[in-house]
Amino acid sequence: MLIRYKKTFEKIAMGLLSFMPSEKDLKKLQHTMKEYETEEDWHLFLWKEEDIIGLLGVLNHNDTNTLEILHISVNPSHRFQGIGKKMVKALTEMYAEKEITANENTAAFIEKCDLC
């Protein structure tokens, strides 16, 4: 189930976000987390089954009616089980009126989801 990020999940979210190649540096990771917490158009979602095992970060482009997937990450022990695709599918259902796009870091995965 896709749930919205809350500050109480900060450590879990940072851990999942750190699996993104662009977020390996601690200062960069902290800056990204701050953007998700303070920027109105940045939204962070977590995938919860029994535990939180995935993360999806998006930028809402209201002017173009698109939702850009900036970050997608799954706990390594839960990879190759379709969790990432489930997260993207849940996002597309949640924002059915929006076109889902990817950035350079997420494009390869999103193409596998048949959205682009």
PDB file of N, CA and C in Angstrom:
ATOM      1  N   MET A   1       0.837  -1.168   0.000  1.00  0.00           N
ATOM      2  CA  MET A   1       0.000   0.000   0.000  1.00  0.00           C
ATOM      3  C   MET A   1       0.890   1.243   0.000  1.00  0.00           C
ATOM      4  N   LEU A   2       0.546   2.187  -0.845  1.00  0.00           N
ATOM      5  CA  LEU A   2       1.289   3.439  -0.955  1.00  0.00           C
ATOM      6  C   LEU A   2       0.751   4.418   0.082  1.00  0.00           C
ATOM      7  N   ILE A   3       1.636   4.900   0.957  1.00  0.00           N
ATOM      8  CA  ILE A   3       1.239   5.859   1.985  1.00  0.00           C
ATOM      9  C   ILE A   3       2.084   7.123   1.864  1.00  0.00           C
ATOM     10  N   ARG A   4       1.530   8.220   2.317  1.00  0.00           N
ATOM     11  CA  ARG A   4       2.262   9.490   2.285  1.00  0.00           C
ATOM     12  C   ARG A   4       3.325   9.514   3.384  1.00  0.00           C
ATOM     13  N   TYR A   5       4.428  10.138   3.054  1.00  0.00           N
ATOM     14  CA  TYR A   5       5.535  10.301   4.002  1.00  0.00           C
ATOM     15  C   TYR A   5       5.109  11.167   5.182  1.00  0.00           C
ATOM     16  N   LYS A   6       5.538  10.774   6.369  1.00  0.00           N
ATOM     17  CA  LYS A   6       5.394  11.583   7.582  1.00  0.00           C
ATOM     18  C   LYS A   6       6.775  11.684   8.218  1.00  0.00           C
ATOM     19  N   LYS A   7       6.982  12.745   8.958  1.00  0.00           N
ATOM     20  CA  LYS A   7       8.278  12.995   9.597  1.00  0.00           C
ATOM     21  C   LYS A   7       8.718  11.819  10.482  1.00  0.00           C
ATOM     22  N   THR A   8       7.771  11.082  11.043  1.00  0.00           N
ATOM     23  CA  THR A   8       8.118   9.944  11.897  1.00  0.00           C
ATOM     24  C   THR A   8       8.814   8.825  11.114  1.00  0.00           C
ATOM     25  N   PHE A   9       8.681   8.842   9.791  1.00  0.00           N
ATOM     26  CA  PHE A   9       9.312   7.831   8.939  1.00  0.00           C
ATOM     27  C   PHE A   9      10.639   8.313   8.349  1.00  0.00           C
ATOM     28  N   GLU A  10      11.182   9.417   8.877  1.00  0.00           N
ATOM     29  CA  GLU A  10      12.356  10.050   8.270  1.00  0.00           C
ATOM     30  C   GLU A  10      13.546   9.099   8.131  1.00  0.00           C
ATOM     31  N   LYS A  11      13.897   8.361   9.168  1.00  0.00           N
ATOM     32  CA  LYS A  11      15.067   7.478   9.096  1.00  0.00           C
ATOM     33  C   LYS A  11      14.865   6.362   8.083  1.00  0.00           C
ATOM     34  N   ILE A  12      13.675   5.793   8.051  1.00  0.00           N
ATOM     35  CA  ILE A  12      13.377   4.741   7.076  1.00  0.00           C
ATOM     36  C   ILE A  12      13.459   5.311   5.665  1.00  0.00           C
ATOM     37  N   ALA A  13      12.853   6.484   5.469  1.00  0.00           N
ATOM     38  CA  ALA A  13      12.863   7.119   4.149  1.00  0.00           C
ATOM     39  C   ALA A  13      14.289   7.449   3.705  1.00  0.00           C
ATOM     40  N   MET A  14      15.094   7.971   4.612  1.00  0.00           N
ATOM     41  CA  MET A  14      16.481   8.294   4.260  1.00  0.00           C
ATOM     42  C   MET A  14      17.254   7.024   3.893  1.00  0.00           C
ATOM     43  N   GLY A  15      17.019   5.958   4.624  1.00  0.00           N
ATOM     44  CA  GLY A  15      17.679   4.694   4.317  1.00  0.00           C
ATOM     45  C   GLY A  15      17.317   4.195   2.930  1.00  0.00           C
ATOM     46  N   LEU A  16      16.037   4.234   2.596  1.00  0.00           N
ATOM     47  CA  LEU A  16      15.598   3.790   1.269  1.00  0.00           C
ATOM     48  C   LEU A  16      16.106   4.729   0.176  1.00  0.00           C
ATOM     49  N   LEU A  17      16.056   6.017   0.446  1.00  0.00           N
ATOM     50  CA  LEU A  17      16.511   7.004  -0.539  1.00  0.00           C
ATOM     51  C   LEU A  17      18.007   6.872  -0.800  1.00  0.00           C
ATOM     52  N   SER A  18      18.760   6.435   0.203  1.00  0.00           N
ATOM     53  CA  SER A  18      20.215   6.310   0.041  1.00  0.00           C
ATOM     54  C   SER A  18      20.599   5.206  -0.951  1.00  0.00           C
ATOM     55  N   PHE A  19      19.666   4.342  -1.317  1.00  0.00           N
ATOM     56  CA  PHE A  19      19.950   3.316  -2.326  1.00  0.00           C
ATOM     57  C   PHE A  19      19.973   3.894  -3.742  1.00  0.00           C
ATOM     58  N   MET A  20      19.450   5.116  -3.913  1.00  0.00           N
ATOM     59  CA  MET A  20      19.501   5.768  -5.223  1.00  0.00           C
ATOM     60  C   MET A  20      20.946   6.210  -5.478  1.00  0.00           C
ATOM     61  N   PRO A  21      21.483   5.908  -6.656  1.00  0.00           N
ATOM     62  CA  PRO A  21      22.877   6.286  -6.950  1.00  0.00           C
ATOM     63  C   PRO A  21      23.163   7.777  -6.746  1.00  0.00           C
ATOM     64  N   SER A  22      22.178   8.624  -7.025  1.00  0.00           N
ATOM     65  CA  SER A  22      22.395  10.074  -6.904  1.00  0.00           C
ATOM     66  C   SER A  22      22.329  10.559  -5.462  1.00  0.00           C
ATOM     67  N   GLU A  23      21.991   9.692  -4.524  1.00  0.00           N
ATOM     68  CA  GLU A  23      21.801  10.110  -3.126  1.00  0.00           C
ATOM     69  C   GLU A  23      22.784   9.448  -2.164  1.00  0.00           C
ATOM     70  N   LYS A  24      23.944   9.046  -2.650  1.00  0.00           N
ATOM     71  CA  LYS A  24      24.928   8.366  -1.800  1.00  0.00           C
ATOM     72  C   LYS A  24      25.584   9.302  -0.787  1.00  0.00           C
ATOM     73  N   ASP A  25      25.797  10.550  -1.164  1.00  0.00           N
ATOM     74  CA  ASP A  25      26.440  11.526  -0.292  1.00  0.00           C
ATOM     75  C   ASP A  25      25.464  11.985   0.790  1.00  0.00           C
ATOM     76  N   LEU A  26      25.881  11.965   2.053  1.00  0.00           N
ATOM     77  CA  LEU A  26      25.001  12.295   3.171  1.00  0.00           C
ATOM     78  C   LEU A  26      24.428  13.705   3.065  1.00  0.00           C
ATOM     79  N   LYS A  27      25.248  14.682   2.696  1.00  0.00           N
ATOM     80  CA  LYS A  27      24.747  16.059   2.588  1.00  0.00           C
ATOM     81  C   LYS A  27      23.711  16.176   1.479  1.00  0.00           C
ATOM     82  N   LYS A  28      23.945  15.502   0.372  1.00  0.00           N
ATOM     83  CA  LYS A  28      22.979  15.502  -0.733  1.00  0.00           C
ATOM     84  C   LYS A  28      21.679  14.844  -0.279  1.00  0.00           C
ATOM     85  N   LEU A  29      21.794  13.735   0.414  1.00  0.00           N
ATOM     86  CA  LEU A  29      20.622  13.011   0.919  1.00  0.00           C
ATOM     87  C   LEU A  29      19.811  13.883   1.884  1.00  0.00           C
ATOM     88  N   GLN A  30      20.494  14.560   2.791  1.00  0.00           N
ATOM     89  CA  GLN A  30      19.806  15.437   3.738  1.00  0.00           C
ATOM     90  C   GLN A  30      19.115  16.589   3.018  1.00  0.00           C
ATOM     91  N   HIS A  31      19.768  17.137   1.997  1.00  0.00           N
ATOM     92  CA  HIS A  31      19.183  18.219   1.209  1.00  0.00           C
ATOM     93  C   HIS A  31      17.918  17.736   0.485  1.00  0.00           C
ATOM     94  N   THR A  32      17.981  16.550  -0.090  1.00  0.00           N
ATOM     95  CA  THR A  32      16.827  15.986  -0.794  1.00  0.00           C
ATOM     96  C   THR A  32      15.665  15.766   0.169  1.00  0.00           C
ATOM     97  N   MET A  33      15.953  15.221   1.341  1.00  0.00           N
ATOM     98  CA  MET A  33      14.893  15.004   2.341  1.00  0.00           C
ATOM     99  C   MET A  33      14.256  16.335   2.739  1.00  0.00           C
ATOM    100  N   LYS A  34      15.076  17.364   2.893  1.00  0.00           N
ATOM    101  CA  LYS A  34      14.545  18.687   3.266  1.00  0.00           C
ATOM    102  C   LYS A  34      13.618  19.211   2.169  1.00  0.00           C
ATOM    103  N   GLU A  35      13.993  18.977   0.911  1.00  0.00           N
ATOM    104  CA  GLU A  35      13.129  19.421  -0.188  1.00  0.00           C
ATOM    105  C   GLU A  35      11.776  18.714  -0.135  1.00  0.00           C
ATOM    106  N   TYR A  36      11.790  17.412   0.115  1.00  0.00           N
ATOM    107  CA  TYR A  36      10.522  16.681   0.214  1.00  0.00           C
ATOM    108  C   TYR A  36       9.672  17.183   1.384  1.00  0.00           C
ATOM    109  N   GLU A  37      10.311  17.623   2.440  1.00  0.00           N
ATOM    110  CA  GLU A  37       9.572  18.086   3.616  1.00  0.00           C
ATOM    111  C   GLU A  37       9.087  19.530   3.490  1.00  0.00           C
ATOM    112  N   THR A  38       9.760  20.339   2.676  1.00  0.00           N
ATOM    113  CA  THR A  38       9.422  21.767   2.637  1.00  0.00           C
ATOM    114  C   THR A  38       8.824  22.250   1.324  1.00  0.00           C
ATOM    115  N   GLU A  39       9.144  21.621   0.222  1.00  0.00           N
ATOM    116  CA  GLU A  39       8.656  22.088  -1.073  1.00  0.00           C
ATOM    117  C   GLU A  39       7.233  21.586  -1.326  1.00  0.00           C
ATOM    118  N   GLU A  40       6.365  22.492  -1.666  1.00  0.00           N
ATOM    119  CA  GLU A  40       4.945  22.185  -1.857  1.00  0.00           C
ATOM    120  C   GLU A  40       4.689  21.159  -2.968  1.00  0.00           C
ATOM    121  N   ASP A  41       5.490  21.186  -4.016  1.00  0.00           N
ATOM    122  CA  ASP A  41       5.262  20.313  -5.165  1.00  0.00           C
ATOM    123  C   ASP A  41       6.052  19.006  -5.123  1.00  0.00           C
ATOM    124  N   TRP A  42       6.859  18.798  -4.088  1.00  0.00           N
ATOM    125  CA  TRP A  42       7.613  17.561  -3.936  1.00  0.00           C
ATOM    126  C   TRP A  42       6.837  16.656  -2.984  1.00  0.00           C
ATOM    127  N   HIS A  43       6.585  15.413  -3.403  1.00  0.00           N
ATOM    128  CA  HIS A  43       5.811  14.481  -2.581  1.00  0.00           C
ATOM    129  C   HIS A  43       6.560  13.161  -2.454  1.00  0.00           C
ATOM    130  N   LEU A  44       6.598  12.660  -1.252  1.00  0.00           N
ATOM    131  CA  LEU A  44       7.282  11.405  -0.968  1.00  0.00           C
ATOM    132  C   LEU A  44       6.250  10.393  -0.482  1.00  0.00           C
ATOM    133  N   PHE A  45       6.314   9.195  -1.054  1.00  0.00           N
ATOM    134  CA  PHE A  45       5.414   8.116  -0.681  1.00  0.00           C
ATOM    135  C   PHE A  45       6.240   6.915  -0.260  1.00  0.00           C
ATOM    136  N   LEU A  46       5.677   6.130   0.640  1.00  0.00           N
ATOM    137  CA  LEU A  46       6.341   4.922   1.113  1.00  0.00           C
ATOM    138  C   LEU A  46       5.449   3.731   0.796  1.00  0.00           C
ATOM    139  N   TRP A  47       6.063   2.593   0.498  1.00  0.00           N
ATOM    140  CA  TRP A  47       5.314   1.374   0.225  1.00  0.00           C
ATOM    141  C   TRP A  47       5.365   0.512   1.480  1.00  0.00           C
ATOM    142  N   LYS A  48       4.176   0.225   1.998  1.00  0.00           N
ATOM    143  CA  LYS A  48       4.092  -0.540   3.234  1.00  0.00           C
ATOM    144  C   LYS A  48       3.367  -1.854   2.988  1.00  0.00           C
ATOM    145  N   GLU A  49       4.017  -2.932   3.375  1.00  0.00           N
ATOM    146  CA  GLU A  49       3.375  -4.234   3.427  1.00  0.00           C
ATOM    147  C   GLU A  49       3.312  -4.554   4.913  1.00  0.00           C
ATOM    148  N   GLU A  50       4.108  -5.466   5.412  1.00  0.00           N
ATOM    149  CA  GLU A  50       4.200  -5.606   6.870  1.00  0.00           C
ATOM    150  C   GLU A  50       5.079  -4.488   7.419  1.00  0.00           C
ATOM    151  N   ASP A  51       6.134  -4.190   6.692  1.00  0.00           N
ATOM    152  CA  ASP A  51       7.045  -3.094   7.027  1.00  0.00           C
ATOM    153  C   ASP A  51       7.098  -2.149   5.837  1.00  0.00           C
ATOM    154  N   ILE A  52       7.754  -1.023   6.025  1.00  0.00           N
ATOM    155  CA  ILE A  52       7.975  -0.098   4.912  1.00  0.00           C
ATOM    156  C   ILE A  52       9.180  -0.619   4.137  1.00  0.00           C
ATOM    157  N   ILE A  53       8.967  -0.937   2.859  1.00  0.00           N
ATOM    158  CA  ILE A  53      10.025  -1.557   2.060  1.00  0.00           C
ATOM    159  C   ILE A  53      10.332  -0.814   0.765  1.00  0.00           C
ATOM    160  N   GLY A  54       9.603   0.256   0.482  1.00  0.00           N
ATOM    161  CA  GLY A  54       9.842   0.989  -0.748  1.00  0.00           C
ATOM    162  C   GLY A  54       9.561   2.463  -0.597  1.00  0.00           C
ATOM    163  N   LEU A  55      10.074   3.233  -1.548  1.00  0.00           N
ATOM    164  CA  LEU A  55       9.941   4.691  -1.523  1.00  0.00           C
ATOM    165  C   LEU A  55       9.759   5.189  -2.951  1.00  0.00           C
ATOM    166  N   LEU A  56       8.912   6.186  -3.100  1.00  0.00           N
ATOM    167  CA  LEU A  56       8.662   6.812  -4.389  1.00  0.00           C
ATOM    168  C   LEU A  56       8.579   8.311  -4.158  1.00  0.00           C
ATOM    169  N   GLY A  57       9.421   9.070  -4.847  1.00  0.00           N
ATOM    170  CA  GLY A  57       9.427  10.522  -4.715  1.00  0.00           C
ATOM    171  C   GLY A  57       9.049  11.173  -6.032  1.00  0.00           C
ATOM    172  N   VAL A  58       8.131  12.134  -5.987  1.00  0.00           N
ATOM    173  CA  VAL A  58       7.641  12.760  -7.215  1.00  0.00           C
ATOM    174  C   VAL A  58       7.654  14.278  -7.110  1.00  0.00           C
ATOM    175  N   LEU A  59       7.695  14.891  -8.266  1.00  0.00           N
ATOM    176  CA  LEU A  59       7.570  16.344  -8.394  1.00  0.00           C
ATOM    177  C   LEU A  59       6.324  16.615  -9.212  1.00  0.00           C
ATOM    178  N   ASN A  60       5.395  17.347  -8.621  1.00  0.00           N
ATOM    179  CA  ASN A  60       4.125  17.655  -9.270  1.00  0.00           C
ATOM    180  C   ASN A  60       4.286  18.927 -10.102  1.00  0.00           C
ATOM    181  N   HIS A  61       4.189  18.776 -11.417  1.00  0.00           N
ATOM    182  CA  HIS A  61       4.263  19.928 -12.328  1.00  0.00           C
ATOM    183  C   HIS A  61       2.826  20.344 -12.655  1.00  0.00           C
ATOM    184  N   ASN A  62       2.246  21.197 -11.822  1.00  0.00           N
ATOM    185  CA  ASN A  62       0.855  21.608 -12.027  1.00  0.00           C
ATOM    186  C   ASN A  62       0.646  22.326 -13.348  1.00  0.00           C
ATOM    187  N   ASP A  63       1.656  23.075 -13.797  1.00  0.00           N
ATOM    188  CA  ASP A  63       1.517  23.846 -15.031  1.00  0.00           C
ATOM    189  C   ASP A  63       1.387  22.959 -16.266  1.00  0.00           C
ATOM    190  N   THR A  64       1.931  21.740 -16.219  1.00  0.00           N
ATOM    191  CA  THR A  64       1.854  20.841 -17.378  1.00  0.00           C
ATOM    192  C   THR A  64       1.030  19.590 -17.076  1.00  0.00           C
ATOM    193  N   ASN A  65       0.441  19.515 -15.893  1.00  0.00           N
ATOM    194  CA  ASN A  65      -0.381  18.379 -15.477  1.00  0.00           C
ATOM    195  C   ASN A  65       0.390  17.054 -15.531  1.00  0.00           C
ATOM    196  N   THR A  66       1.669  17.120 -15.156  1.00  0.00           N
ATOM    197  CA  THR A  66       2.491  15.914 -15.130  1.00  0.00           C
ATOM    198  C   THR A  66       3.036  15.681 -13.723  1.00  0.00           C
ATOM    199  N   LEU A  67       3.352  14.441 -13.478  1.00  0.00           N
ATOM    200  CA  LEU A  67       3.960  14.025 -12.227  1.00  0.00           C
ATOM    201  C   LEU A  67       5.266  13.331 -12.592  1.00  0.00           C
ATOM    202  N   GLU A  68       6.383  13.932 -12.204  1.00  0.00           N
ATOM    203  CA  GLU A  68       7.702  13.400 -12.553  1.00  0.00           C
ATOM    204  C   GLU A  68       8.234  12.541 -11.415  1.00  0.00           C
ATOM    205  N   ILE A  69       8.534  11.295 -11.708  1.00  0.00           N
ATOM    206  CA  ILE A  69       9.102  10.410 -10.694  1.00  0.00           C
ATOM    207  C   ILE A  69      10.591  10.718 -10.576  1.00  0.00           C
ATOM    208  N   LEU A  70      10.966  11.261  -9.416  1.00  0.00           N
ATOM    209  CA  LEU A  70      12.351  11.660  -9.165  1.00  0.00           C
ATOM    210  C   LEU A  70      13.156  10.535  -8.528  1.00  0.00           C
ATOM    211  N   HIS A  71      12.525   9.786  -7.640  1.00  0.00           N
ATOM    212  CA  HIS A  71      13.209   8.728  -6.893  1.00  0.00           C
ATOM    213  C   HIS A  71      12.304   7.511  -6.787  1.00  0.00           C
ATOM    214  N   ILE A  72      12.890   6.341  -6.939  1.00  0.00           N
ATOM    215  CA  ILE A  72      12.176   5.092  -6.682  1.00  0.00           C
ATOM    216  C   ILE A  72      13.193   4.112  -6.121  1.00  0.00           C
ATOM    217  N   SER A  73      12.847   3.508  -4.993  1.00  0.00           N
ATOM    218  CA  SER A  73      13.790   2.640  -4.318  1.00  0.00           C
ATOM    219  C   SER A  73      13.045   1.542  -3.561  1.00  0.00           C
ATOM    220  N   VAL A  74      13.614   0.355  -3.585  1.00  0.00           N
ATOM    221  CA  VAL A  74      13.063  -0.779  -2.850  1.00  0.00           C
ATOM    222  C   VAL A  74      14.183  -1.376  -2.006  1.00  0.00           C
ATOM    223  N   ASN A  75      13.862  -1.754  -0.795  1.00  0.00           N
ATOM    224  CA  ASN A  75      14.821  -2.416   0.075  1.00  0.00           C
ATOM    225  C   ASN A  75      15.439  -3.593  -0.679  1.00  0.00           C
ATOM    226  N   PRO A  76      16.770  -3.712  -0.692  1.00  0.00           N
ATOM    227  CA  PRO A  76      17.422  -4.779  -1.464  1.00  0.00           C
ATOM    228  C   PRO A  76      16.902  -6.190  -1.176  1.00  0.00           C
ATOM    229  N   SER A  77      16.493  -6.469   0.033  1.00  0.00           N
ATOM    230  CA  SER A  77      16.002  -7.812   0.343  1.00  0.00           C
ATOM    231  C   SER A  77      14.596  -8.075  -0.207  1.00  0.00           C
ATOM    232  N   HIS A  78      13.966  -7.044  -0.782  1.00  0.00           N
ATOM    233  CA  HIS A  78      12.626  -7.198  -1.362  1.00  0.00           C
ATOM    234  C   HIS A  78      12.613  -6.913  -2.862  1.00  0.00           C
ATOM    235  N   ARG A  79      13.760  -6.799  -3.470  1.00  0.00           N
ATOM    236  CA  ARG A  79      13.820  -6.493  -4.901  1.00  0.00           C
ATOM    237  C   ARG A  79      13.465  -7.709  -5.739  1.00  0.00           C
ATOM    238  N   PHE A  80      13.124  -7.447  -6.993  1.00  0.00           N
ATOM    239  CA  PHE A  80      12.765  -8.469  -7.981  1.00  0.00           C
ATOM    240  C   PHE A  80      11.503  -9.228  -7.593  1.00  0.00           C
ATOM    241  N   GLN A  81      10.617  -8.555  -6.865  1.00  0.00           N
ATOM    242  CA  GLN A  81       9.330  -9.137  -6.488  1.00  0.00           C
ATOM    243  C   GLN A  81       8.171  -8.294  -7.008  1.00  0.00           C
ATOM    244  N   GLY A  82       8.467  -7.302  -7.844  1.00  0.00           N
ATOM    245  CA  GLY A  82       7.414  -6.463  -8.422  1.00  0.00           C
ATOM    246  C   GLY A  82       6.978  -5.297  -7.551  1.00  0.00           C
ATOM    247  N   ILE A  83       7.701  -5.008  -6.480  1.00  0.00           N
ATOM    248  CA  ILE A  83       7.321  -3.920  -5.567  1.00  0.00           C
ATOM    249  C   ILE A  83       7.381  -2.568  -6.279  1.00  0.00           C
ATOM    250  N   GLY A  84       8.452  -2.326  -7.016  1.00  0.00           N
ATOM    251  CA  GLY A  84       8.585  -1.054  -7.735  1.00  0.00           C
ATOM    252  C   GLY A  84       7.438  -0.840  -8.703  1.00  0.00           C
ATOM    253  N   LYS A  85       7.084  -1.873  -9.446  1.00  0.00           N
ATOM    254  CA  LYS A  85       5.966  -1.769 -10.393  1.00  0.00           C
ATOM    255  C   LYS A  85       4.649  -1.540  -9.667  1.00  0.00           C
ATOM    256  N   LYS A  86       4.471  -2.171  -8.516  1.00  0.00           N
ATOM    257  CA  LYS A  86       3.252  -1.959  -7.722  1.00  0.00           C
ATOM    258  C   LYS A  86       3.173  -0.512  -7.249  1.00  0.00           C
ATOM    259  N   MET A  87       4.317   0.052  -6.861  1.00  0.00           N
ATOM    260  CA  MET A  87       4.330   1.443  -6.406  1.00  0.00           C
ATOM    261  C   MET A  87       3.938   2.378  -7.551  1.00  0.00           C
ATOM    262  N   VAL A  88       4.503   2.155  -8.723  1.00  0.00           N
ATOM    263  CA  VAL A  88       4.200   3.009  -9.876  1.00  0.00           C
ATOM    264  C   VAL A  88       2.727   2.860 -10.259  1.00  0.00           C
ATOM    265  N   LYS A  89       2.219   1.634 -10.243  1.00  0.00           N
ATOM    266  CA  LYS A  89       0.805   1.394 -10.577  1.00  0.00           C
ATOM    267  C   LYS A  89      -0.103   2.109  -9.584  1.00  0.00           C
ATOM    268  N   ALA A  90       0.198   2.022  -8.293  1.00  0.00           N
ATOM    269  CA  ALA A  90      -0.596   2.702  -7.269  1.00  0.00           C
ATOM    270  C   ALA A  90      -0.556   4.218  -7.463  1.00  0.00           C
ATOM    271  N   LEU A  91       0.609   4.740  -7.841  1.00  0.00           N
ATOM    272  CA  LEU A  91       0.747   6.174  -8.091  1.00  0.00           C
ATOM    273  C   LEU A  91      -0.113   6.600  -9.276  1.00  0.00           C
ATOM    274  N   THR A  92      -0.094   5.814 -10.348  1.00  0.00           N
ATOM    275  CA  THR A  92      -0.899   6.165 -11.529  1.00  0.00           C
ATOM    276  C   THR A  92      -2.388   6.114 -11.217  1.00  0.00           C
ATOM    277  N   GLU A  93      -2.788   5.216 -10.336  1.00  0.00           N
ATOM    278  CA  GLU A  93      -4.195   5.157  -9.928  1.00  0.00           C
ATOM    279  C   GLU A  93      -4.551   6.335  -9.029  1.00  0.00           C
ATOM    280  N   MET A  94      -3.637   6.723  -8.168  1.00  0.00           N
ATOM    281  CA  MET A  94      -3.860   7.834  -7.245  1.00  0.00           C
ATOM    282  C   MET A  94      -3.948   9.168  -8.005  1.00  0.00           C
ATOM    283  N   TYR A  95      -3.169   9.282  -9.071  1.00  0.00           N
ATOM    284  CA  TYR A  95      -3.125  10.509  -9.883  1.00  0.00           C
ATOM    285  C   TYR A  95      -3.541  10.191 -11.318  1.00  0.00           C
ATOM    286  N   ALA A  96      -4.720   9.616 -11.493  1.00  0.00           N
ATOM    287  CA  ALA A  96      -5.192   9.178 -12.812  1.00  0.00           C
ATOM    288  C   ALA A  96      -5.270  10.326 -13.823  1.00  0.00           C
ATOM    289  N   GLU A  97      -5.476  11.539 -13.335  1.00  0.00           N
ATOM    290  CA  GLU A  97      -5.607  12.692 -14.234  1.00  0.00           C
ATOM    291  C   GLU A  97      -4.256  13.244 -14.699  1.00  0.00           C
ATOM    292  N   LYS A  98      -3.190  12.750 -14.133  1.00  0.00           N
ATOM    293  CA  LYS A  98      -1.847  13.255 -14.446  1.00  0.00           C
ATOM    294  C   LYS A  98      -1.103  12.310 -15.385  1.00  0.00           C
ATOM    295  N   GLU A  99      -0.226  12.887 -16.183  1.00  0.00           N
ATOM    296  CA  GLU A  99       0.691  12.083 -16.989  1.00  0.00           C
ATOM    297  C   GLU A  99       1.924  11.822 -16.123  1.00  0.00           C
ATOM    298  N   ILE A 100       2.317  10.555 -16.031  1.00  0.00           N
ATOM    299  CA  ILE A 100       3.475  10.175 -15.228  1.00  0.00           C
ATOM    300  C   ILE A 100       4.717  10.194 -16.125  1.00  0.00           C
ATOM    301  N   THR A 101       5.752  10.902 -15.685  1.00  0.00           N
ATOM    302  CA  THR A 101       6.999  10.969 -16.434  1.00  0.00           C
ATOM    303  C   THR A 101       8.152  10.559 -15.516  1.00  0.00           C
ATOM    304  N   ALA A 102       9.312  10.412 -16.108  1.00  0.00           N
ATOM    305  CA  ALA A 102      10.504  10.013 -15.350  1.00  0.00           C
ATOM    306  C   ALA A 102      11.611  11.033 -15.572  1.00  0.00           C
ATOM    307  N   ASN A 103      12.606  11.001 -14.693  1.00  0.00           N
ATOM    308  CA  ASN A 103      13.811  11.796 -14.921  1.00  0.00           C
ATOM    309  C   ASN A 103      14.923  10.849 -15.367  1.00  0.00           C
ATOM    310  N   GLU A 104      16.127  11.363 -15.503  1.00  0.00           N
ATOM    311  CA  GLU A 104      17.235  10.530 -15.992  1.00  0.00           C
ATOM    312  C   GLU A 104      17.575   9.386 -15.041  1.00  0.00           C
ATOM    313  N   ASN A 105      17.284   9.563 -13.751  1.00  0.00           N
ATOM    314  CA  ASN A 105      17.592   8.523 -12.769  1.00  0.00           C
ATOM    315  C   ASN A 105      16.545   7.415 -12.710  1.00  0.00           C
ATOM    316  N   THR A 106      15.325   7.709 -13.136  1.00  0.00           N
ATOM    317  CA  THR A 106      14.245   6.729 -13.015  1.00  0.00           C
ATOM    318  C   THR A 106      13.716   6.227 -14.353  1.00  0.00           C
ATOM    319  N   ALA A 107      14.174   6.827 -15.448  1.00  0.00           N
ATOM    320  CA  ALA A 107      13.620   6.502 -16.769  1.00  0.00           C
ATOM    321  C   ALA A 107      13.742   5.026 -17.134  1.00  0.00           C
ATOM    322  N   ALA A 108      14.886   4.420 -16.904  1.00  0.00           N
ATOM    323  CA  ALA A 108      15.082   3.016 -17.281  1.00  0.00           C
ATOM    324  C   ALA A 108      14.079   2.115 -16.575  1.00  0.00           C
ATOM    325  N   PHE A 109      13.842   2.360 -15.298  1.00  0.00           N
ATOM    326  CA  PHE A 109      12.882   1.531 -14.576  1.00  0.00           C
ATOM    327  C   PHE A 109      11.457   1.818 -15.029  1.00  0.00           C
ATOM    328  N   ILE A 110      11.110   3.079 -15.190  1.00  0.00           N
ATOM    329  CA  ILE A 110       9.746   3.446 -15.568  1.00  0.00           C
ATOM    330  C   ILE A 110       9.399   2.880 -16.942  1.00  0.00           C
ATOM    331  N   GLU A 111      10.364   2.809 -17.845  1.00  0.00           N
ATOM    332  CA  GLU A 111      10.113   2.204 -19.159  1.00  0.00           C
ATOM    333  C   GLU A 111       9.685   0.753 -19.005  1.00  0.00           C
ATOM    334  N   LYS A 112      10.245   0.046 -18.037  1.00  0.00           N
ATOM    335  CA  LYS A 112       9.863  -1.353 -17.777  1.00  0.00           C
ATOM    336  C   LYS A 112       8.418  -1.444 -17.305  1.00  0.00           C
ATOM    337  N   CYS A 113       7.894  -0.358 -16.765  1.00  0.00           N
ATOM    338  CA  CYS A 113       6.526  -0.344 -16.265  1.00  0.00           C
ATOM    339  C   CYS A 113       5.518   0.021 -17.359  1.00  0.00           C
ATOM    340  N   ASP A 114       5.989   0.244 -18.574  1.00  0.00           N
ATOM    341  CA  ASP A 114       5.138   0.576 -19.736  1.00  0.00           C
ATOM    342  C   ASP A 114       4.345   1.860 -19.544  1.00  0.00           C
ATOM    343  N   LEU A 115       4.939   2.876 -18.928  1.00  0.00           N
ATOM    344  CA  LEU A 115       4.253   4.150 -18.731  1.00  0.00           C
ATOM    345  C   LEU A 115       4.716   5.222 -19.693  1.00  0.00           C
ATOM    346  N   CYS A 116       5.964   5.138 -20.138  1.00  0.00           N
ATOM    347  CA  CYS A 116       6.528   6.207 -20.982  1.00  0.00           C
ATOM    348  C   CYS A 116       6.285   5.923 -22.446  1.00  0.00           C
TER     349      CYS A 116
END
